[in-house]
Amino acid sequence: MPNTLKILLTTDLHGYVMPYDYATGELRNQGLVRVSPWIKQLRDENTLLVDNGDCLQGSPLVLHAMKYTPKEITPIAKALNHLKYDYVNVGNHDFNYGFDNLLHYMDTLEAPCICGNIYHKGQQVFKPYQVKVLPNGKKIAIFGIVTHYIPNWEQAVNIVDVTFAETLEYTKNLIKEIKEKEHPDCIIGVYHGGLERDMHTGEPTEEITGENQGYEICRQVEGIDILLLGHQHRSQVGKCFNTYILQPLQNARELGYMEYDLDTKEVINAQLLTSHDEIDQDLVEVVREDEEKTQKWLDQVIGTFVDYDDLLLPKDLFQARLHKHPCVSFLNAAVQTMIGAQIGSNFIANECSGFQKRLTMRHLVGTYPYPNTLVKVEINGKDLKAYLEQCANYFVVENGEVVVNPTYVTPKPEHYNYDMLDGIEYTIKVSNPVGERIVELSYQGKDVKDEDTFTLVLNNYRAAGGGNFSMLRNCKVLEDQQKDVVDCLMEYIMSNPEIRFEHKDNIKVIV
């Protein structure tokens, strides 16, 4: 029997302990309660159970906990402790509720956090690596890193005095240190980031910005035997240069499994296990009280649409984007009214429910699942057109029809990076060259000129340039709300419980 190491990996859990869609109540093949049976079945004394970050944002279960009881132990922490994780990493979304809440979350975990390239006031926040000697006598060094691209998205208030070392260079230096000090039999990296290039061909799979550097780490850093990936919400297993890589899907839809021969330094078995048919009832009990509170909160009725029986989105969300759905018109009208802006901007999330006539919190958080805040900016006509041109990249023409640009589907679904704006009228001609697709753009019947200025309300992620919207960083910030969009919408609706708005067909998408 060879000296083997088993690795069990979750990543990008986004608070999904339970196995259903919170908007509809339908059971889904996801949630820690569905991968726990695999963990119990496969784990032995030479196994490392690892989570690769992005736990604190996503499901209503963690949203409710972070909003109303942030200083208590979160249900996702209860779940990780119950399953006795060995190591955890930090993800970019774990900063969404502020640095102090991230530290509190880590303090409530029994598993140590390994993530060396985060600094607070110049001091390293977490241990960069740990060494573990397995019962079979083999010495394992495991280190953690997170994408240094976080400041490009995160609200400044959430990362005050926090800096991120450039991931690739940091990793080079850390591996040198580990080799010299520890002389391990195996080095494992846990990187909350992914592969920016195809592992076999080296062709870019996304814009090379530094957000994901897994390919370059494998290419340039000698000595990493295994690199556990995340962030991209991709199924990946294979070998990149001399390093074995593993990345399961988000929301506990898959469990990454690897069995590694520590003598030959070769993988015996590596696969992505889809969620188990069984549900771990013991784990259900661990979060039952938190879940019941969440469900009660979700079922609150906060308003009624006067002129609509429902605003539920179609199952084909592409059609809701291609022909702007009334749900988007409502969101834009609400944020424009709340913050007093001429133009409003919103998107349809990758998975999104829309609203029923009697609007509950369930449909609100099922439609706007992100902990964004609202920002009001001043934008000129030139930057507004550039903004719309970037939105227009969402579409391509295939066989004479408008379809989704494949780059918004792989390597990671990014449908939320297509914004729809109200307050203006515009036409996207998809067959035109990139950068020349906005063929009509007007405000109140007048063509928009480069020197015109407008007030625009949008989310903080977009205002910071997130999603390759660098032109928005040029805009002057007029108002920065420090309150979640969901909270703002809830307060707006509860103060106007009879909801009225006008849906406008102001966006034309043509071949």
Protein backbone atom coordinates (compact mmCIF):
# COMPACT_ATOMS: atom_id res chain seq x y z
CA MET A 1 0.00 0.00 0.00
CA PRO A 2 1.64 3.27 -1.08
CA ASN A 3 2.00 6.26 1.21
CA THR A 4 -1.02 8.22 0.08
CA LEU A 5 -2.57 11.56 0.85
CA LYS A 6 -6.27 12.26 0.31
CA ILE A 7 -7.55 15.76 -0.29
CA LEU A 8 -11.22 16.73 -0.06
CA LEU A 9 -11.93 20.25 -1.33
CA THR A 10 -14.83 22.68 -1.25
CA THR A 11 -14.66 26.22 -2.57
CA ASP A 12 -16.99 29.15 -3.14
CA LEU A 13 -19.64 27.71 -0.83
CA HIS A 14 -21.33 31.12 -0.65
CA GLY A 15 -23.17 30.11 2.49
CA TYR A 16 -24.93 27.12 0.94
CA VAL A 17 -25.38 24.60 3.71
CA MET A 18 -28.92 23.66 2.69
CA PRO A 19 -29.83 21.99 -0.62
CA TYR A 20 -32.49 24.19 -2.14
CA ASP A 21 -33.25 27.31 -4.09
CA TYR A 22 -34.33 29.93 -1.54
CA ALA A 23 -36.43 31.80 -4.09
CA THR A 24 -38.58 28.79 -5.04
CA GLY A 25 -38.00 26.22 -2.29
CA GLU A 26 -37.08 23.62 -4.92
CA LEU A 27 -34.46 21.04 -3.98
CA ARG A 28 -31.17 21.46 -5.79
CA ASN A 29 -28.04 19.35 -6.16
CA GLN A 30 -26.05 21.65 -3.90
CA GLY A 31 -25.31 22.46 -0.28
CA LEU A 32 -22.90 21.08 2.30
CA VAL A 33 -25.58 18.68 3.50
CA ARG A 34 -25.23 16.93 0.13
CA VAL A 35 -21.41 16.69 0.07
CA SER A 36 -21.11 15.72 3.72
CA PRO A 37 -21.99 12.04 2.96
CA TRP A 38 -19.03 11.94 0.54
CA ILE A 39 -16.77 13.45 3.19
CA LYS A 40 -17.81 10.84 5.75
CA GLN A 41 -17.37 8.03 3.24
CA LEU A 42 -13.93 9.02 1.90
CA ARG A 43 -12.15 10.53 4.88
CA ASP A 44 -9.42 8.63 6.68
CA GLU A 45 -6.48 9.51 8.91
CA ASN A 46 -4.36 10.64 5.95
CA THR A 47 -7.01 13.04 4.60
CA LEU A 48 -7.00 16.85 4.51
CA LEU A 49 -10.43 18.52 4.31
CA VAL A 50 -9.96 22.04 2.93
CA ASP A 51 -12.20 24.99 2.10
CA ASN A 52 -10.92 27.59 -0.33
CA GLY A 53 -12.92 30.68 0.65
CA ASP A 54 -15.98 32.71 -0.30
CA CYS A 55 -18.19 31.39 2.49
CA LEU A 56 -19.68 34.58 3.96
CA GLN A 57 -21.71 35.88 1.01
CA GLY A 58 -24.35 34.31 -1.17
CA SER A 59 -27.24 32.40 0.37
CA PRO A 60 -30.04 34.08 2.37
CA LEU A 61 -28.93 31.90 5.30
CA VAL A 62 -25.63 33.75 5.64
CA LEU A 63 -27.13 37.06 4.49
CA HIS A 64 -29.61 36.98 7.37
CA ALA A 65 -26.89 36.01 9.84
CA MET A 66 -24.46 38.72 8.71
CA LYS A 67 -27.15 41.41 8.71
CA TYR A 68 -28.83 40.68 12.04
CA THR A 69 -26.40 38.65 14.18
CA PRO A 70 -22.92 39.41 12.79
CA LYS A 71 -21.21 38.96 16.16
CA GLU A 72 -22.58 35.46 16.72
CA ILE A 73 -21.19 32.34 15.12
CA THR A 74 -22.52 32.13 11.58
CA PRO A 75 -24.34 29.03 10.32
CA ILE A 76 -21.60 28.41 7.75
CA ALA A 77 -19.01 28.41 10.56
CA LYS A 78 -21.16 25.98 12.53
CA ALA A 79 -21.26 23.70 9.50
CA LEU A 80 -17.50 23.80 8.86
CA ASN A 81 -16.81 23.10 12.52
CA HIS A 82 -19.29 20.22 12.57
CA LEU A 83 -17.54 18.65 9.57
CA LYS A 84 -14.13 19.24 11.22
CA TYR A 85 -12.38 21.00 8.37
CA ASP A 86 -8.59 20.92 8.61
CA TYR A 87 -7.77 24.22 6.85
CA VAL A 88 -9.61 27.19 5.38
CA ASN A 89 -8.60 30.00 3.04
CA VAL A 90 -10.00 33.50 2.50
CA GLY A 91 -12.00 34.46 -0.59
CA ASN A 92 -12.67 37.89 -2.04
CA HIS A 93 -16.35 37.82 -1.02
CA ASP A 94 -15.40 37.15 2.59
CA PHE A 95 -14.55 40.87 2.84
CA ASN A 96 -18.05 41.95 1.77
CA TYR A 97 -19.25 42.60 5.32
CA GLY A 98 -16.08 44.31 6.48
CA PHE A 99 -12.67 43.31 7.77
CA ASP A 100 -13.76 43.07 11.41
CA ASN A 101 -16.54 40.63 10.54
CA LEU A 102 -14.09 38.55 8.52
CA LEU A 103 -11.76 38.35 11.51
CA HIS A 104 -14.66 37.42 13.80
CA TYR A 105 -15.70 34.67 11.39
CA MET A 106 -12.19 33.25 11.33
CA ASP A 107 -12.02 33.37 15.13
CA THR A 108 -15.15 31.21 15.35
CA LEU A 109 -13.69 28.52 13.09
CA GLU A 110 -11.88 25.58 14.62
CA ALA A 111 -9.83 25.11 11.43
CA PRO A 112 -6.81 27.41 11.05
CA CYS A 113 -6.83 29.96 8.26
CA ILE A 114 -3.89 29.87 5.87
CA CYS A 115 -3.61 32.97 3.70
CA GLY A 116 -0.29 34.76 3.66
CA ASN A 117 -0.66 37.64 1.21
CA ILE A 118 -3.15 39.70 3.29
CA TYR A 119 -1.70 42.48 5.44
CA HIS A 120 -3.32 44.90 7.88
CA LYS A 121 -1.33 48.00 8.72
CA GLY A 122 1.68 46.21 7.29
CA GLN A 123 1.30 43.12 9.47
CA GLN A 124 0.50 39.69 8.08
CA VAL A 125 -3.05 38.81 9.17
CA PHE A 126 -3.06 35.01 8.87
CA LYS A 127 -0.41 32.32 8.93
CA PRO A 128 1.04 31.86 5.44
CA TYR A 129 1.37 28.09 5.72
CA GLN A 130 1.10 25.12 8.05
CA VAL A 131 3.02 21.88 8.30
CA LYS A 132 1.29 18.62 9.08
CA VAL A 133 2.91 15.23 9.61
CA LEU A 134 0.50 12.50 8.59
CA PRO A 135 0.14 9.23 10.52
CA ASN A 136 2.02 7.58 7.64
CA GLY A 137 5.01 9.78 8.55
CA LYS A 138 4.95 12.04 5.51
CA LYS A 139 5.44 15.77 6.02
CA ILE A 140 2.94 18.04 4.23
CA ALA A 141 3.30 21.82 3.84
CA ILE A 142 0.08 23.61 2.90
CA PHE A 143 -0.06 27.33 2.11
CA GLY A 144 -2.86 29.74 1.20
CA ILE A 145 -3.11 32.78 -1.08
CA VAL A 146 -5.96 34.93 -2.39
CA THR A 147 -6.30 36.98 -5.56
CA HIS A 148 -4.67 40.37 -5.03
CA TYR A 149 -7.31 41.92 -7.32
CA ILE A 150 -9.75 42.46 -4.41
CA PRO A 151 -9.27 46.28 -4.17
CA ASN A 152 -10.62 46.56 -7.72
CA TRP A 153 -14.05 45.43 -6.47
CA GLU A 154 -14.37 45.80 -2.74
CA GLN A 155 -15.76 48.86 -0.98
CA ALA A 156 -12.91 50.88 0.47
CA VAL A 157 -14.60 50.94 3.89
CA ASN A 158 -14.33 47.13 4.07
CA ILE A 159 -10.57 47.03 3.51
CA VAL A 160 -9.28 50.07 5.40
CA ASP A 161 -5.53 49.62 6.03
CA VAL A 162 -5.67 46.21 4.31
CA THR A 163 -3.23 45.45 1.49
CA PHE A 164 -2.68 42.42 -0.70
CA ALA A 165 0.72 41.25 -1.86
CA GLU A 166 0.92 40.50 -5.58
CA THR A 167 0.05 36.83 -5.70
CA LEU A 168 2.63 35.46 -8.13
CA GLU A 169 5.69 37.15 -6.66
CA TYR A 170 4.53 36.43 -3.12
CA THR A 171 4.15 32.74 -3.97
CA LYS A 172 7.64 32.53 -5.47
CA ASN A 173 9.19 33.87 -2.28
CA LEU A 174 7.00 31.74 0.00
CA ILE A 175 7.82 28.48 -1.77
CA LYS A 176 11.51 29.25 -1.47
CA GLU A 177 11.03 29.81 2.28
CA ILE A 178 9.03 26.59 2.73
CA LYS A 179 11.62 24.50 0.91
CA GLU A 180 14.52 25.93 2.91
CA LYS A 181 12.85 25.74 6.33
CA GLU A 182 10.61 22.70 6.17
CA HIS A 183 11.92 20.22 3.55
CA PRO A 184 8.43 18.73 3.14
CA ASP A 185 7.49 15.60 1.22
CA CYS A 186 4.65 17.48 -0.49
CA ILE A 187 3.70 21.15 -0.99
CA ILE A 188 0.03 22.00 -1.45
CA GLY A 189 -1.20 25.44 -2.47
CA VAL A 190 -4.72 26.67 -1.72
CA TYR A 191 -5.36 29.60 -4.05
CA HIS A 192 -8.58 31.58 -4.12
CA GLY A 193 -8.06 32.30 -7.77
CA GLY A 194 -8.11 30.25 -10.93
CA LEU A 195 -6.45 29.52 -14.25
CA GLU A 196 -6.32 32.46 -16.61
CA ARG A 197 -5.24 30.24 -19.49
CA ASP A 198 -6.17 26.82 -20.80
CA MET A 199 -3.99 24.38 -18.88
CA HIS A 200 -3.21 22.37 -22.05
CA THR A 201 -2.81 25.00 -24.78
CA GLY A 202 -1.82 28.09 -22.83
CA GLU A 203 -4.45 30.13 -24.68
CA PRO A 204 -6.03 32.90 -22.56
CA THR A 205 -9.51 32.05 -21.32
CA GLU A 206 -10.15 35.59 -20.07
CA GLU A 207 -8.65 39.05 -20.12
CA ILE A 208 -5.24 38.87 -18.45
CA THR A 209 -5.61 41.33 -15.59
CA GLY A 210 -3.94 39.55 -12.67
CA GLU A 211 -7.28 38.53 -11.16
CA ASN A 212 -6.43 34.88 -11.82
CA GLN A 213 -2.81 33.73 -11.95
CA GLY A 214 -3.00 29.98 -11.46
CA TYR A 215 -1.45 29.20 -14.84
CA GLU A 216 1.52 31.50 -14.24
CA ILE A 217 1.99 30.09 -10.74
CA CYS A 218 2.18 26.57 -12.20
CA ARG A 219 4.49 27.74 -14.98
CA GLN A 220 6.89 29.90 -12.97
CA VAL A 221 6.97 28.43 -9.45
CA GLU A 222 8.82 25.14 -9.08
CA GLY A 223 7.95 22.82 -6.24
CA ILE A 224 4.17 23.10 -5.85
CA ASP A 225 2.93 19.54 -6.12
CA ILE A 226 -0.80 20.30 -5.89
CA LEU A 227 -2.65 23.59 -6.40
CA LEU A 228 -6.23 23.77 -5.16
CA LEU A 229 -8.16 26.48 -7.02
CA GLY A 230 -11.36 28.50 -6.59
CA HIS A 231 -13.01 31.81 -7.44
CA GLN A 232 -13.91 30.94 -11.03
CA HIS A 233 -16.84 28.59 -10.27
CA ARG A 234 -15.40 26.04 -12.68
CA SER A 235 -15.02 22.27 -12.72
CA GLN A 236 -11.31 21.63 -13.24
CA VAL A 237 -9.08 18.66 -12.65
CA GLY A 238 -5.80 17.88 -14.38
CA LYS A 239 -2.15 18.80 -14.58
CA CYS A 240 -0.72 22.20 -15.44
CA PHE A 241 3.00 21.94 -16.15
CA ASN A 242 4.30 19.93 -13.17
CA THR A 243 1.46 20.76 -10.78
CA TYR A 244 -1.77 18.85 -10.28
CA ILE A 245 -4.80 21.13 -10.03
CA LEU A 246 -8.30 20.70 -8.65
CA GLN A 247 -11.32 23.04 -8.55
CA PRO A 248 -14.94 21.99 -7.83
CA LEU A 249 -18.06 23.99 -8.60
CA GLN A 250 -19.55 26.60 -6.28
CA ASN A 251 -22.33 26.23 -3.68
CA ALA A 252 -21.17 22.70 -2.77
CA ARG A 253 -22.41 21.37 -6.10
CA GLU A 254 -19.24 19.29 -6.25
CA LEU A 255 -16.62 17.95 -3.89
CA GLY A 256 -13.06 17.90 -5.16
CA TYR A 257 -11.36 14.56 -4.46
CA MET A 258 -7.72 13.69 -4.98
CA GLU A 259 -5.65 10.70 -3.89
CA TYR A 260 -1.94 11.39 -4.23
CA ASP A 261 1.01 9.00 -3.96
CA LEU A 262 3.59 10.72 -1.76
CA ASP A 263 6.37 8.34 -2.88
CA THR A 264 5.97 8.61 -6.65
CA LYS A 265 4.48 12.14 -6.51
CA GLU A 266 1.72 11.11 -8.87
CA VAL A 267 -2.04 11.28 -8.64
CA ILE A 268 -3.72 7.92 -8.13
CA ASN A 269 -7.24 9.27 -8.47
CA ALA A 270 -8.66 12.75 -8.99
CA GLN A 271 -12.27 13.59 -9.69
CA LEU A 272 -15.09 16.01 -8.98
CA LEU A 273 -17.89 14.27 -7.11
CA THR A 274 -21.33 15.68 -7.77
CA SER A 275 -23.57 16.28 -4.79
CA HIS A 276 -24.71 13.12 -3.03
CA ASP A 277 -28.25 11.75 -3.26
CA GLU A 278 -28.36 11.58 0.52
CA ILE A 279 -28.77 14.58 2.82
CA ASP A 280 -26.82 14.67 6.07
CA GLN A 281 -29.60 15.11 8.63
CA ASP A 282 -27.09 15.66 11.45
CA LEU A 283 -25.78 18.73 9.62
CA VAL A 284 -29.33 19.91 8.95
CA GLU A 285 -29.87 19.91 12.72
CA VAL A 286 -26.73 21.99 13.27
CA VAL A 287 -28.20 24.94 11.34
CA ARG A 288 -31.91 24.28 11.91
CA GLU A 289 -32.51 27.25 14.22
CA ASP A 290 -30.69 29.65 11.87
CA GLU A 291 -32.60 28.24 8.92
CA GLU A 292 -35.99 28.67 10.60
CA LYS A 293 -35.22 32.33 11.39
CA THR A 294 -34.13 32.88 7.80
CA GLN A 295 -37.29 31.33 6.37
CA LYS A 296 -39.50 33.48 8.60
CA TRP A 297 -37.64 36.59 7.46
CA LEU A 298 -37.92 35.59 3.80
CA ASP A 299 -41.69 35.18 3.99
CA GLN A 300 -42.32 38.77 5.14
CA VAL A 301 -44.61 40.63 2.70
CA ILE A 302 -43.19 44.13 2.26
CA GLY A 303 -45.27 45.53 -0.61
CA THR A 304 -47.76 44.94 -3.44
CA PHE A 305 -47.42 45.76 -7.13
CA VAL A 306 -50.51 47.70 -8.19
CA ASP A 307 -50.31 47.30 -11.97
CA TYR A 308 -48.72 43.86 -12.25
CA ASP A 309 -49.91 40.38 -11.26
CA ASP A 310 -46.30 39.27 -11.10
CA LEU A 311 -42.83 40.21 -12.29
CA LEU A 312 -41.39 36.74 -12.19
CA LEU A 313 -38.55 36.30 -14.61
CA PRO A 314 -38.82 33.70 -17.39
CA LYS A 315 -36.78 30.52 -17.15
CA ASP A 316 -34.88 31.77 -20.20
CA LEU A 317 -33.07 34.67 -18.57
CA PHE A 318 -31.41 35.54 -21.87
CA GLN A 319 -34.76 36.73 -23.19
CA ALA A 320 -35.18 38.88 -20.08
CA ARG A 321 -31.86 40.53 -20.90
CA LEU A 322 -32.37 40.74 -24.64
CA HIS A 323 -35.75 42.42 -24.13
CA LYS A 324 -35.36 44.30 -20.87
CA HIS A 325 -37.78 42.72 -18.41
CA PRO A 326 -40.15 44.94 -16.36
CA CYS A 327 -38.37 43.62 -13.26
CA VAL A 328 -35.28 45.60 -14.31
CA SER A 329 -37.38 48.71 -14.97
CA PHE A 330 -38.69 48.48 -11.41
CA LEU A 331 -35.21 48.13 -9.91
CA ASN A 332 -33.94 51.07 -11.91
CA ALA A 333 -36.96 53.22 -11.04
CA ALA A 334 -36.51 52.40 -7.36
CA VAL A 335 -32.81 53.26 -7.18
CA GLN A 336 -33.28 56.39 -9.29
CA THR A 337 -35.99 57.60 -6.92
CA MET A 338 -34.08 56.65 -3.77
CA ILE A 339 -30.92 58.49 -4.71
CA GLY A 340 -32.25 61.14 -7.11
CA ALA A 341 -30.46 60.29 -10.36
CA GLN A 342 -31.29 60.87 -14.02
CA ILE A 343 -30.10 57.40 -15.06
CA GLY A 344 -30.42 54.09 -13.24
CA SER A 345 -28.45 50.90 -13.92
CA ASN A 346 -29.10 47.29 -12.96
CA PHE A 347 -28.52 43.74 -14.12
CA ILE A 348 -30.09 40.29 -13.93
CA ALA A 349 -28.00 37.95 -11.80
CA ASN A 350 -26.81 34.57 -13.09
CA GLU A 351 -29.72 33.01 -11.21
CA CYS A 352 -32.64 35.28 -10.49
CA SER A 353 -36.31 34.95 -9.54
CA GLY A 354 -38.07 38.24 -10.10
CA PHE A 355 -41.09 39.33 -8.06
CA GLN A 356 -44.64 38.23 -7.38
CA LYS A 357 -47.53 40.65 -6.96
CA ARG A 358 -47.24 40.39 -3.18
CA LEU A 359 -43.55 41.13 -2.78
CA THR A 360 -41.68 39.26 -0.05
CA MET A 361 -38.08 39.37 1.12
CA ARG A 362 -37.68 35.95 -0.49
CA HIS A 363 -38.12 37.40 -3.95
CA LEU A 364 -36.08 40.48 -3.12
CA VAL A 365 -32.99 38.53 -2.09
CA GLY A 366 -33.65 35.99 -4.84
CA THR A 367 -33.48 38.79 -7.38
CA TYR A 368 -30.67 40.85 -5.88
CA PRO A 369 -28.32 38.30 -4.24
CA TYR A 370 -25.23 40.49 -3.85
CA PRO A 371 -24.21 42.68 -0.89
CA ASN A 372 -23.60 45.71 -3.11
CA THR A 373 -24.23 49.31 -2.10
CA LEU A 374 -25.47 52.21 -4.22
CA VAL A 375 -23.23 54.91 -5.66
CA LYS A 376 -24.33 58.10 -7.42
CA VAL A 377 -21.81 59.44 -9.90
CA GLU A 378 -21.52 62.19 -12.47
CA ILE A 379 -20.84 60.78 -15.93
CA ASN A 380 -20.22 62.57 -19.20
CA GLY A 381 -21.63 61.51 -22.55
CA LYS A 382 -18.34 60.06 -23.75
CA ASP A 383 -17.95 57.76 -20.75
CA LEU A 384 -21.65 56.87 -20.84
CA LYS A 385 -21.29 55.64 -24.40
CA ALA A 386 -18.12 53.72 -23.49
CA TYR A 387 -20.08 52.12 -20.61
CA LEU A 388 -22.82 51.02 -22.99
CA GLU A 389 -20.27 49.71 -25.50
CA GLN A 390 -18.83 47.46 -22.81
CA CYS A 391 -22.36 46.25 -22.00
CA ALA A 392 -22.88 45.55 -25.71
CA ASN A 393 -19.99 43.07 -25.62
CA TYR A 394 -22.41 40.69 -23.91
CA PHE A 395 -23.92 39.89 -27.31
CA VAL A 396 -22.58 38.32 -30.50
CA VAL A 397 -24.24 37.28 -33.76
CA GLU A 398 -24.33 33.57 -34.56
CA ASN A 399 -26.13 32.18 -37.61
CA GLY A 400 -27.87 35.50 -38.05
CA GLU A 401 -29.22 35.62 -34.49
CA VAL A 402 -28.17 37.53 -31.38
CA VAL A 403 -26.77 35.18 -28.70
CA VAL A 404 -24.67 35.44 -25.54
CA ASN A 405 -20.97 36.07 -26.04
CA PRO A 406 -19.28 32.79 -24.93
CA THR A 407 -16.80 34.73 -22.78
CA TYR A 408 -19.70 35.56 -20.43
CA VAL A 409 -20.36 31.85 -19.94
CA THR A 410 -16.84 30.41 -19.62
CA PRO A 411 -14.51 30.22 -17.82
CA LYS A 412 -17.06 31.60 -15.33
CA PRO A 413 -20.70 32.66 -15.82
CA GLU A 414 -20.76 36.46 -15.69
CA HIS A 415 -24.22 37.40 -16.91
CA TYR A 416 -24.31 40.01 -14.11
CA ASN A 417 -21.80 42.00 -16.15
CA TYR A 418 -24.51 42.99 -18.63
CA ASP A 419 -26.19 46.13 -17.34
CA MET A 420 -29.46 47.64 -18.54
CA LEU A 421 -29.96 51.39 -18.08
CA ASP A 422 -33.12 53.45 -17.69
CA GLY A 423 -33.50 57.19 -18.17
CA ILE A 424 -31.95 57.04 -21.63
CA GLU A 425 -32.83 55.38 -24.94
CA TYR A 426 -30.23 53.45 -26.90
CA THR A 427 -29.79 50.88 -29.65
CA ILE A 428 -27.16 48.12 -29.77
CA LYS A 429 -26.31 46.89 -33.27
CA VAL A 430 -24.54 43.63 -32.46
CA SER A 431 -23.13 42.99 -35.95
CA ASN A 432 -21.09 46.18 -35.77
CA PRO A 433 -17.43 45.99 -34.67
CA VAL A 434 -16.74 45.97 -30.94
CA GLY A 435 -16.65 49.55 -29.73
CA GLU A 436 -18.97 50.76 -32.48
CA ARG A 437 -22.22 49.06 -31.51
CA ILE A 438 -24.12 51.90 -29.85
CA VAL A 439 -25.74 53.41 -32.93
CA GLU A 440 -28.34 55.53 -31.14
CA LEU A 441 -28.14 57.17 -27.72
CA SER A 442 -30.50 59.86 -26.51
CA TYR A 443 -31.74 61.50 -23.32
CA GLN A 444 -35.28 62.92 -23.30
CA GLY A 445 -35.38 62.85 -27.09
CA LYS A 446 -32.03 64.58 -27.67
CA ASP A 447 -28.86 62.87 -28.90
CA VAL A 448 -26.25 62.53 -26.18
CA LYS A 449 -23.07 64.50 -26.85
CA ASP A 450 -19.62 63.72 -25.40
CA GLU A 451 -19.63 66.87 -23.25
CA ASP A 452 -23.11 66.30 -21.76
CA THR A 453 -23.20 65.34 -18.08
CA PHE A 454 -25.68 63.16 -16.21
CA THR A 455 -26.19 61.72 -12.77
CA LEU A 456 -26.09 57.91 -12.71
CA VAL A 457 -26.88 55.48 -9.89
CA LEU A 458 -25.24 52.06 -9.99
CA ASN A 459 -23.76 49.50 -7.61
CA ASN A 460 -20.39 49.98 -5.96
CA TYR A 461 -18.84 46.98 -7.74
CA ARG A 462 -19.58 48.54 -11.10
CA ALA A 463 -18.64 52.07 -9.98
CA ALA A 464 -15.20 50.74 -9.03
CA GLY A 465 -14.78 49.36 -12.56
CA GLY A 466 -15.65 45.75 -11.72
CA GLY A 467 -16.45 43.62 -14.76
CA ASN A 468 -13.99 45.44 -17.05
CA PHE A 469 -15.81 48.77 -16.81
CA SER A 470 -12.67 50.86 -16.32
CA MET A 471 -14.32 53.99 -17.80
CA LEU A 472 -16.55 54.24 -14.72
CA ARG A 473 -13.54 54.85 -12.49
CA ASN A 474 -13.27 58.27 -14.16
CA CYS A 475 -16.63 59.37 -12.82
CA LYS A 476 -16.93 61.84 -9.96
CA VAL A 477 -18.65 60.25 -6.96
CA LEU A 478 -21.51 62.43 -5.75
CA GLU A 479 -22.97 60.12 -3.12
CA ASP A 480 -21.85 56.78 -1.68
CA GLN A 481 -24.53 54.92 0.26
CA GLN A 482 -23.07 52.68 2.97
CA LYS A 483 -26.14 50.46 3.02
CA ASP A 484 -26.83 47.24 1.12
CA VAL A 485 -28.95 47.54 -2.00
CA VAL A 486 -31.38 45.00 -0.53
CA ASP A 487 -31.78 47.13 2.59
CA CYS A 488 -32.34 50.24 0.49
CA LEU A 489 -34.93 48.47 -1.64
CA MET A 490 -36.68 47.07 1.42
CA GLU A 491 -36.93 50.50 3.05
CA TYR A 492 -38.11 52.09 -0.20
CA ILE A 493 -40.82 49.46 -0.71
CA MET A 494 -42.02 49.52 2.90
CA SER A 495 -42.40 53.30 2.70
CA ASN A 496 -44.29 52.88 -0.61
CA PRO A 497 -46.09 49.56 -0.09
CA GLU A 498 -48.40 50.12 -3.07
CA ILE A 499 -45.74 49.85 -5.73
CA ARG A 500 -46.18 51.71 -9.01
CA PHE A 501 -43.66 52.20 -11.79
CA GLU A 502 -43.60 52.63 -15.56
CA HIS A 503 -41.92 49.99 -17.71
CA LYS A 504 -40.20 51.48 -20.74
CA ASP A 505 -38.96 49.60 -23.78
CA ASN A 506 -35.94 51.90 -24.07
CA ILE A 507 -33.26 49.41 -25.17
CA LYS A 508 -33.16 48.00 -28.69
CA VAL A 509 -30.83 45.09 -29.45
CA ILE A 510 -30.65 44.41 -33.19
CA VAL A 511 -28.52 42.27 -35.50
